[in-house]
Protein backbone atom coordinates (compact mmCIF):
# COMPACT_ATOMS: atom_id res chain seq x y z
CA MET A 1 4.94 -19.87 20.40
CA ILE A 2 3.41 -16.91 18.51
CA THR A 3 2.78 -13.55 20.20
CA SER A 4 2.10 -11.39 17.13
CA GLY A 5 0.21 -11.37 13.91
CA PRO A 6 2.07 -13.12 11.09
CA ASP A 7 3.38 -11.57 7.90
CA ALA A 8 4.39 -13.47 4.79
CA ALA A 9 6.30 -12.86 1.58
CA SER A 10 7.08 -14.91 -1.50
CA ARG A 11 10.66 -14.77 -2.81
CA GLY A 12 9.82 -16.83 -5.87
CA SER A 13 7.43 -19.25 -7.51
CA GLY A 14 6.24 -21.89 -5.06
CA MET A 15 8.11 -20.36 -2.11
CA LEU A 16 6.64 -18.73 1.00
CA ASP A 17 8.24 -17.34 4.13
CA VAL A 18 6.16 -16.57 7.23
CA PHE A 19 7.43 -14.38 10.06
CA VAL A 20 6.13 -13.97 13.62
CA ARG A 21 7.22 -12.74 17.04
CA GLY A 22 7.78 -15.69 19.37
CA THR A 23 7.20 -15.96 23.10
CA ASP A 24 10.87 -14.94 23.53
CA ASN A 25 10.08 -11.69 21.58
CA ALA A 26 12.52 -12.77 18.84
CA LEU A 27 11.68 -12.92 15.13
CA TRP A 28 10.85 -16.43 13.91
CA GLN A 29 10.68 -17.66 10.30
CA ARG A 30 9.12 -20.70 8.68
CA SER A 31 9.65 -21.42 4.98
CA PHE A 32 7.67 -23.37 2.40
CA ALA A 33 9.45 -24.74 -0.69
CA ASN A 34 9.07 -27.79 -2.92
CA GLY A 35 5.67 -28.52 -1.36
CA THR A 36 7.04 -28.83 2.19
CA TRP A 37 7.13 -26.62 5.28
CA GLY A 38 10.48 -26.37 7.04
CA ALA A 39 11.07 -26.03 10.77
CA TRP A 40 10.74 -22.74 12.67
CA THR A 41 14.03 -20.81 12.75
CA SER A 42 14.87 -17.96 15.13
CA LEU A 43 16.28 -14.83 13.51
CA GLY A 44 16.85 -13.17 16.88
CA GLY A 45 16.14 -9.58 17.70
CA ALA A 46 13.79 -8.09 20.26
CA LEU A 47 10.40 -7.20 18.78
CA SER A 48 7.68 -5.08 20.34
CA ALA A 49 5.09 -5.40 17.53
CA ASP A 50 4.13 -7.47 14.49
CA PRO A 51 6.84 -7.96 11.82
CA SER A 52 6.53 -6.93 8.17
CA ALA A 53 8.06 -8.93 5.31
CA VAL A 54 8.42 -8.11 1.62
CA SER A 55 10.27 -9.39 -1.43
CA SER A 56 11.82 -6.76 -3.69
CA GLY A 57 13.04 -9.25 -6.27
CA SER A 58 13.58 -12.92 -7.04
CA GLY A 59 15.06 -14.70 -4.03
CA HIS A 60 15.25 -11.53 -1.96
CA LEU A 61 13.53 -11.04 1.41
CA ASP A 62 13.44 -8.03 3.72
CA VAL A 63 11.94 -8.06 7.21
CA PHE A 64 11.16 -4.99 9.30
CA VAL A 65 10.29 -4.87 13.00
CA ARG A 66 9.71 -2.36 15.77
CA GLY A 67 12.32 -3.00 18.45
CA THR A 68 11.98 -2.60 22.20
CA THR A 69 13.13 1.05 22.00
CA ASN A 70 10.43 1.66 19.32
CA ALA A 71 13.00 2.14 16.53
CA LEU A 72 12.70 0.41 13.13
CA TRP A 73 15.01 -2.57 12.59
CA HIS A 74 15.74 -4.43 9.34
CA ARG A 75 17.26 -7.71 8.14
CA SER A 76 17.62 -9.01 4.57
CA SER A 77 18.38 -12.27 2.80
CA THR A 78 18.97 -13.33 -0.80
CA ASP A 79 18.10 -16.98 -0.18
CA GLY A 80 15.80 -17.06 2.87
CA VAL A 81 18.47 -18.86 4.90
CA ASN A 82 21.50 -16.57 5.23
CA TRP A 83 20.55 -13.25 6.81
CA SER A 84 22.30 -9.90 7.17
CA ALA A 85 22.97 -8.53 10.64
CA TRP A 86 20.20 -6.45 12.23
CA GLU A 87 20.29 -2.86 10.95
CA ASN A 88 18.85 -0.02 13.07
CA LEU A 89 16.92 2.37 10.78
CA GLY A 90 15.95 4.69 13.65
CA GLY A 91 12.72 6.56 14.12
CA VAL A 92 10.24 6.35 16.97
CA LEU A 93 7.34 4.12 15.95
CA SER A 94 3.96 3.87 17.62
CA SER A 95 2.82 1.02 15.36
CA SER A 96 4.00 -2.05 13.57
CA PRO A 97 5.75 -1.24 10.29
CA ASP A 98 4.44 -2.28 6.89
CA ALA A 99 6.72 -2.61 3.89
CA ALA A 100 6.06 -2.71 0.16
CA SER A 101 8.08 -2.99 -3.03
CA ALA A 102 6.81 -1.28 -6.18
CA SER A 103 9.70 -2.36 -8.42
CA PRO A 104 12.75 -4.66 -8.24
CA GLY A 105 15.24 -3.44 -5.63
CA ARG A 106 12.93 -0.75 -4.23
CA LEU A 107 11.74 -0.85 -0.63
CA ASP A 108 9.34 1.48 1.17
CA VAL A 109 8.45 1.15 4.84
CA PHE A 110 5.51 2.94 6.47
CA VAL A 111 4.83 3.49 10.16
CA ARG A 112 2.70 5.56 12.49
CA GLY A 113 4.91 7.97 14.41
CA THR A 114 4.42 9.22 17.95
CA ASP A 115 2.65 12.25 16.41
CA ASN A 116 0.13 9.78 14.84
CA GLN A 117 1.20 10.83 11.33
CA LEU A 118 2.14 8.42 8.56
CA TRP A 119 5.91 8.28 8.09
CA ARG A 120 7.95 6.71 5.27
CA LYS A 121 11.52 5.50 4.80
CA SER A 122 12.68 4.18 1.42
CA ASN A 123 15.63 2.58 -0.33
CA SER A 124 16.09 2.26 -4.09
CA GLY A 125 19.49 0.59 -3.87
CA ASN A 126 21.45 3.71 -2.91
CA GLY A 127 20.93 3.55 0.85
CA TRP A 128 18.07 4.52 3.12
CA SER A 129 16.34 7.88 2.89
CA ASN A 130 15.67 10.07 5.89
CA TRP A 131 12.26 9.70 7.49
CA ILE A 132 9.60 11.62 5.53
CA ALA A 133 6.32 12.73 7.13
CA ILE A 134 3.38 11.90 4.86
CA GLY A 135 0.75 13.42 7.16
CA GLY A 136 -2.69 12.34 8.27
CA VAL A 137 -3.91 11.24 11.67
CA LEU A 138 -3.66 7.47 12.07
CA THR A 139 -5.38 5.39 14.73
CA ALA A 140 -3.95 1.99 13.70
CA ASP A 141 -1.06 0.36 11.86
CA PRO A 142 -0.69 1.33 8.17
CA SER A 143 -0.93 -1.20 5.35
CA ALA A 144 1.04 -0.82 2.11
CA VAL A 145 1.21 -2.69 -1.16
CA GLY A 146 3.32 -2.22 -4.29
CA ARG A 147 1.20 -2.24 -7.41
CA GLY A 148 4.15 -2.19 -9.83
CA SER A 149 5.48 0.55 -12.09
CA GLY A 150 6.83 2.40 -9.04
CA ILE A 151 3.41 2.90 -7.42
CA ILE A 152 2.59 2.09 -3.79
CA ASP A 153 -0.84 2.26 -2.21
CA VAL A 154 -1.04 2.94 1.53
CA PHE A 155 -4.18 2.40 3.61
CA VAL A 156 -4.78 3.73 7.12
CA ARG A 157 -7.58 4.11 9.63
CA GLY A 158 -8.07 7.80 10.32
CA SER A 159 -9.24 9.60 13.46
CA ASP A 160 -12.79 9.47 12.03
CA HIS A 161 -12.48 5.63 11.97
CA ALA A 162 -12.81 5.67 8.17
CA LEU A 163 -10.43 3.96 5.76
CA TRP A 164 -8.10 6.44 4.06
CA HIS A 165 -5.93 5.77 1.00
CA LYS A 166 -2.88 7.48 -0.48
CA THR A 167 -1.02 6.62 -3.68
CA ILE A 168 2.74 7.21 -3.56
CA SER A 169 5.12 7.03 -6.49
């Protein structure tokens, strides 16, 4: 059933949501609450890479995927059950996305572009920014984590096969 690496997010105490690409290339979700795992649920879409999930506040989930045309797509939920429609955020990705939240309501998504640079798109509640080139030469998917207080740490594998780090605020 699974054709990608999983990604998970917690929308609150004792709750987990795991997301994967299924054999039908759709996004699938499985939730854990009250000590019990629920059934797998299809969220649709057409993925071409691993999904990325993040919670930007209590009860809130955001999932990002690379679609079949290599653009970034997004869905959100405030309860883990009822989801927004798929939203095309554009771009031309050459990697899976990775998302992070450094403060409530803030989302940052990082990808490797076709130029192998790190690219960022963000939303602080006032709509999505344009794509911003961060630079570097990536040879794998980026990894991002919000450390709080508006700070995000991004890790990438560079062309020298070393681990590189950048702090973004």
